[in-house]
Amino acid sequence: MNPEQIEVRKQKGVEIAKTSRITKTEKGWTVPFTKREWGLFGH
């Protein structure tokens, strides 16, 4: 992944954090993939 792609991903993460509910669970973090889908990111 090149630096430009990394920056785009960072910006998307910032927008998700500003506008969505992110929850920490025992298994990791639940974050939205889209407005209708949720995923779990482990440690």
PDB file of N, CA and C in Angstrom:
ATOM      1  N   MET A   1       0.853  -1.169   0.000  1.00  0.00           N
ATOM      2  CA  MET A   1       0.000   0.000   0.000  1.00  0.00           C
ATOM      3  C   MET A   1       0.904   1.239   0.000  1.00  0.00           C
ATOM      4  N   ASN A   2       0.610   2.165  -0.892  1.00  0.00           N
ATOM      5  CA  ASN A   2       1.448   3.364  -0.977  1.00  0.00           C
ATOM      6  C   ASN A   2       0.960   4.432   0.008  1.00  0.00           C
ATOM      7  N   PRO A   3       1.775   5.454   0.267  1.00  0.00           N
ATOM      8  CA  PRO A   3       1.413   6.491   1.246  1.00  0.00           C
ATOM      9  C   PRO A   3       0.076   7.188   0.943  1.00  0.00           C
ATOM     10  N   GLU A   4      -0.238   7.378  -0.329  1.00  0.00           N
ATOM     11  CA  GLU A   4      -1.502   8.031  -0.682  1.00  0.00           C
ATOM     12  C   GLU A   4      -2.693   7.164  -0.274  1.00  0.00           C
ATOM     13  N   GLN A   5      -2.588   5.855  -0.499  1.00  0.00           N
ATOM     14  CA  GLN A   5      -3.663   4.931  -0.109  1.00  0.00           C
ATOM     15  C   GLN A   5      -3.824   4.891   1.412  1.00  0.00           C
ATOM     16  N   ILE A   6      -2.701   4.934   2.120  1.00  0.00           N
ATOM     17  CA  ILE A   6      -2.747   4.938   3.582  1.00  0.00           C
ATOM     18  C   ILE A   6      -3.464   6.191   4.077  1.00  0.00           C
ATOM     19  N   GLU A   7      -3.150   7.332   3.474  1.00  0.00           N
ATOM     20  CA  GLU A   7      -3.787   8.589   3.881  1.00  0.00           C
ATOM     21  C   GLU A   7      -5.290   8.551   3.641  1.00  0.00           C
ATOM     22  N   VAL A   8      -5.718   7.982   2.516  1.00  0.00           N
ATOM     23  CA  VAL A   8      -7.149   7.861   2.224  1.00  0.00           C
ATOM     24  C   VAL A   8      -7.819   6.996   3.286  1.00  0.00           C
ATOM     25  N   ARG A   9      -7.191   5.900   3.655  1.00  0.00           N
ATOM     26  CA  ARG A   9      -7.767   5.022   4.691  1.00  0.00           C
ATOM     27  C   ARG A   9      -7.860   5.733   6.038  1.00  0.00           C
ATOM     28  N   LYS A  10      -6.831   6.515   6.365  1.00  0.00           N
ATOM     29  CA  LYS A  10      -6.862   7.280   7.621  1.00  0.00           C
ATOM     30  C   LYS A  10      -8.036   8.247   7.626  1.00  0.00           C
ATOM     31  N   GLN A  11      -8.235   8.961   6.519  1.00  0.00           N
ATOM     32  CA  GLN A  11      -9.324   9.931   6.435  1.00  0.00           C
ATOM     33  C   GLN A  11     -10.685   9.246   6.559  1.00  0.00           C
ATOM     34  N   LYS A  12     -10.837   8.078   5.935  1.00  0.00           N
ATOM     35  CA  LYS A  12     -12.087   7.327   6.062  1.00  0.00           C
ATOM     36  C   LYS A  12     -12.319   6.931   7.515  1.00  0.00           C
ATOM     37  N   GLY A  13     -11.248   6.521   8.189  1.00  0.00           N
ATOM     38  CA  GLY A  13     -11.355   6.150   9.602  1.00  0.00           C
ATOM     39  C   GLY A  13     -11.779   7.319  10.470  1.00  0.00           C
ATOM     40  N   VAL A  14     -11.233   8.484  10.186  1.00  0.00           N
ATOM     41  CA  VAL A  14     -11.602   9.690  10.936  1.00  0.00           C
ATOM     42  C   VAL A  14     -13.085   9.996  10.729  1.00  0.00           C
ATOM     43  N   GLU A  15     -13.565   9.890   9.500  1.00  0.00           N
ATOM     44  CA  GLU A  15     -14.978  10.163   9.221  1.00  0.00           C
ATOM     45  C   GLU A  15     -15.887   9.144   9.917  1.00  0.00           C
ATOM     46  N   ILE A  16     -15.495   7.880   9.906  1.00  0.00           N
ATOM     47  CA  ILE A  16     -16.282   6.854  10.610  1.00  0.00           C
ATOM     48  C   ILE A  16     -16.331   7.178  12.095  1.00  0.00           C
ATOM     49  N   ALA A  17     -15.191   7.545  12.670  1.00  0.00           N
ATOM     50  CA  ALA A  17     -15.141   7.856  14.100  1.00  0.00           C
ATOM     51  C   ALA A  17     -16.009   9.058  14.454  1.00  0.00           C
ATOM     52  N   LYS A  18     -16.089  10.036  13.561  1.00  0.00           N
ATOM     53  CA  LYS A  18     -16.890  11.234  13.820  1.00  0.00           C
ATOM     54  C   LYS A  18     -18.389  10.965  13.740  1.00  0.00           C
ATOM     55  N   THR A  19     -18.785  10.061  12.845  1.00  0.00           N
ATOM     56  CA  THR A  19     -20.205   9.934  12.534  1.00  0.00           C
ATOM     57  C   THR A  19     -20.851   8.621  12.957  1.00  0.00           C
ATOM     58  N   SER A  20     -20.071   7.679  13.475  1.00  0.00           N
ATOM     59  CA  SER A  20     -20.623   6.364  13.774  1.00  0.00           C
ATOM     60  C   SER A  20     -20.313   5.933  15.200  1.00  0.00           C
ATOM     61  N   ARG A  21     -21.065   4.965  15.631  1.00  0.00           N
ATOM     62  CA  ARG A  21     -20.841   4.400  16.959  1.00  0.00           C
ATOM     63  C   ARG A  21     -19.849   3.243  16.833  1.00  0.00           C
ATOM     64  N   ILE A  22     -18.721   3.360  17.494  1.00  0.00           N
ATOM     65  CA  ILE A  22     -17.701   2.321  17.517  1.00  0.00           C
ATOM     66  C   ILE A  22     -17.682   1.768  18.938  1.00  0.00           C
ATOM     67  N   THR A  23     -17.770   0.459  19.059  1.00  0.00           N
ATOM     68  CA  THR A  23     -17.893  -0.164  20.368  1.00  0.00           C
ATOM     69  C   THR A  23     -16.772  -1.159  20.602  1.00  0.00           C
ATOM     70  N   LYS A  24     -16.136  -1.098  21.770  1.00  0.00           N
ATOM     71  CA  LYS A  24     -15.117  -2.078  22.129  1.00  0.00           C
ATOM     72  C   LYS A  24     -15.794  -3.265  22.795  1.00  0.00           C
ATOM     73  N   THR A  25     -15.437  -4.462  22.363  1.00  0.00           N
ATOM     74  CA  THR A  25     -15.954  -5.690  22.956  1.00  0.00           C
ATOM     75  C   THR A  25     -14.770  -6.510  23.457  1.00  0.00           C
ATOM     76  N   GLU A  26     -15.057  -7.661  24.059  1.00  0.00           N
ATOM     77  CA  GLU A  26     -13.980  -8.534  24.523  1.00  0.00           C
ATOM     78  C   GLU A  26     -13.142  -9.052  23.369  1.00  0.00           C
ATOM     79  N   LYS A  27     -13.752  -9.176  22.188  1.00  0.00           N
ATOM     80  CA  LYS A  27     -13.064  -9.744  21.028  1.00  0.00           C
ATOM     81  C   LYS A  27     -12.438  -8.699  20.125  1.00  0.00           C
ATOM     82  N   GLY A  28     -12.723  -7.442  20.315  1.00  0.00           N
ATOM     83  CA  GLY A  28     -12.174  -6.383  19.452  1.00  0.00           C
ATOM     84  C   GLY A  28     -13.112  -5.197  19.396  1.00  0.00           C
ATOM     85  N   TRP A  29     -13.147  -4.535  18.248  1.00  0.00           N
ATOM     86  CA  TRP A  29     -13.969  -3.344  18.036  1.00  0.00           C
ATOM     87  C   TRP A  29     -15.026  -3.627  16.986  1.00  0.00           C
ATOM     88  N   THR A  30     -16.253  -3.163  17.229  1.00  0.00           N
ATOM     89  CA  THR A  30     -17.278  -3.231  16.194  1.00  0.00           C
ATOM     90  C   THR A  30     -17.346  -1.866  15.533  1.00  0.00           C
ATOM     91  N   VAL A  31     -17.247  -1.870  14.228  1.00  0.00           N
ATOM     92  CA  VAL A  31     -17.294  -0.635  13.441  1.00  0.00           C
ATOM     93  C   VAL A  31     -18.153  -0.874  12.209  1.00  0.00           C
ATOM     94  N   PRO A  32     -18.787   0.167  11.685  1.00  0.00           N
ATOM     95  CA  PRO A  32     -19.600  -0.010  10.490  1.00  0.00           C
ATOM     96  C   PRO A  32     -18.733  -0.135   9.234  1.00  0.00           C
ATOM     97  N   PHE A  33     -19.098  -1.058   8.343  1.00  0.00           N
ATOM     98  CA  PHE A  33     -18.465  -1.146   7.030  1.00  0.00           C
ATOM     99  C   PHE A  33     -19.188  -0.206   6.082  1.00  0.00           C
ATOM    100  N   THR A  34     -20.511  -0.255   6.145  1.00  0.00           N
ATOM    101  CA  THR A  34     -21.374   0.642   5.384  1.00  0.00           C
ATOM    102  C   THR A  34     -22.470   1.062   6.336  1.00  0.00           C
ATOM    103  N   LYS A  35     -23.441   1.780   5.850  1.00  0.00           N
ATOM    104  CA  LYS A  35     -24.529   2.219   6.721  1.00  0.00           C
ATOM    105  C   LYS A  35     -25.359   1.053   7.244  1.00  0.00           C
ATOM    106  N   ARG A  36     -25.329  -0.097   6.550  1.00  0.00           N
ATOM    107  CA  ARG A  36     -26.169  -1.228   6.953  1.00  0.00           C
ATOM    108  C   ARG A  36     -25.391  -2.423   7.481  1.00  0.00           C
ATOM    109  N   GLU A  37     -24.080  -2.429   7.355  1.00  0.00           N
ATOM    110  CA  GLU A  37     -23.278  -3.591   7.754  1.00  0.00           C
ATOM    111  C   GLU A  37     -22.338  -3.219   8.889  1.00  0.00           C
ATOM    112  N   TRP A  38     -22.093  -4.167   9.794  1.00  0.00           N
ATOM    113  CA  TRP A  38     -21.164  -3.974  10.899  1.00  0.00           C
ATOM    114  C   TRP A  38     -20.150  -5.101  10.887  1.00  0.00           C
ATOM    115  N   GLY A  39     -18.948  -4.835  11.358  1.00  0.00           N
ATOM    116  CA  GLY A  39     -17.910  -5.845  11.417  1.00  0.00           C
ATOM    117  C   GLY A  39     -17.190  -5.794  12.741  1.00  0.00           C
ATOM    118  N   LEU A  40     -16.435  -6.834  13.019  1.00  0.00           N
ATOM    119  CA  LEU A  40     -15.657  -6.928  14.244  1.00  0.00           C
ATOM    120  C   LEU A  40     -14.189  -6.967  13.887  1.00  0.00           C
ATOM    121  N   PHE A  41     -13.409  -6.059  14.456  1.00  0.00           N
ATOM    122  CA  PHE A  41     -11.975  -6.045  14.250  1.00  0.00           C
ATOM    123  C   PHE A  41     -11.324  -6.447  15.556  1.00  0.00           C
ATOM    124  N   GLY A  42     -10.616  -7.556  15.552  1.00  0.00           N
ATOM    125  CA  GLY A  42      -9.934  -8.048  16.756  1.00  0.00           C
ATOM    126  C   GLY A  42      -8.597  -7.363  16.980  1.00  0.00           C
ATOM    127  N   HIS A  43      -8.018  -7.658  18.133  1.00  0.00           N
ATOM    128  CA  HIS A  43      -6.736  -7.036  18.470  1.00  0.00           C
ATOM    129  C   HIS A  43      -5.636  -7.765  17.758  1.00  0.00           C
TER     130      HIS A  43
END
